[in-house]
């Protein structure tokens, strides 16, 4: 597709809202899929360190 201007590109023939929101949702899902395991691992390691400290005190 050829667009006459940058604003035409962003408007996508009056379908821009749908197209760009679909890209946004896709990027959000990808970011969550990357961040969730990283945060879960960090939380797991913190809980294990806390558990080991508790066990070593008793």
Protein backbone atom coordinates (compact mmCIF):
# COMPACT_ATOMS: atom_id res chain seq x y z
CA UNK A 1 0.00 0.00 0.00
CA UNK A 2 1.15 3.51 -0.77
CA UNK A 3 0.20 6.40 1.47
CA UNK A 4 0.23 10.04 0.40
CA UNK A 5 1.42 11.26 3.78
CA UNK A 6 2.38 10.13 7.25
CA UNK A 7 -1.07 11.05 8.60
CA UNK A 8 -2.65 8.80 5.95
CA UNK A 9 -0.34 6.02 7.11
CA UNK A 10 -1.50 6.42 10.72
CA UNK A 11 -5.17 6.69 9.66
CA UNK A 12 -4.85 3.47 7.59
CA UNK A 13 -7.85 4.34 5.45
CA UNK A 14 -10.03 5.05 8.53
CA UNK A 15 -9.06 1.71 10.06
CA UNK A 16 -6.15 3.15 12.02
CA UNK A 17 -7.81 2.90 15.43
CA UNK A 18 -8.40 -0.83 14.96
CA UNK A 19 -4.97 -1.49 13.45
CA UNK A 20 -2.94 0.44 16.02
CA UNK A 21 -4.96 -0.84 18.98
CA UNK A 22 -4.37 -4.40 17.73
CA UNK A 23 -0.63 -3.70 17.58
CA UNK A 24 -0.80 -2.18 21.06
CA UNK A 25 -2.62 -5.17 22.54
CA UNK A 26 -0.16 -7.53 20.88
CA UNK A 27 2.84 -5.65 22.28
CA UNK A 28 1.22 -5.57 25.73
CA UNK A 29 0.67 -9.33 25.69
CA UNK A 30 4.26 -9.93 24.57
CA UNK A 31 5.59 -7.66 27.33
CA UNK A 32 3.52 -9.48 29.96
CA UNK A 33 4.73 -12.84 28.64
CA UNK A 34 8.32 -11.69 29.08
CA UNK A 35 7.90 -9.90 32.42
CA UNK A 36 5.73 -12.42 34.27
CA UNK A 37 8.30 -15.26 34.45
CA UNK A 38 11.07 -12.84 35.39
CA UNK A 39 9.01 -11.40 38.24
CA UNK A 40 7.86 -14.86 39.34
CA UNK A 41 11.47 -16.10 39.48
CA UNK A 42 12.53 -13.08 41.50
CA UNK A 43 9.64 -13.59 43.92
CA UNK A 44 10.46 -17.31 44.23
CA UNK A 45 14.13 -16.62 44.98
CA UNK A 46 13.22 -14.03 47.63
CA UNK A 47 10.80 -16.45 49.31
CA UNK A 48 13.39 -19.23 49.29
CA UNK A 49 16.01 -16.93 50.80
CA UNK A 50 13.52 -15.93 53.50
CA UNK A 51 12.69 -19.59 54.18
CA UNK A 52 16.38 -20.54 54.43
CA UNK A 53 17.04 -17.68 56.87
CA UNK A 54 14.09 -18.80 59.02
CA UNK A 55 15.30 -22.41 59.03
CA UNK A 56 18.86 -21.46 59.91
CA UNK A 57 17.66 -19.43 62.92
CA UNK A 58 15.72 -22.33 64.39
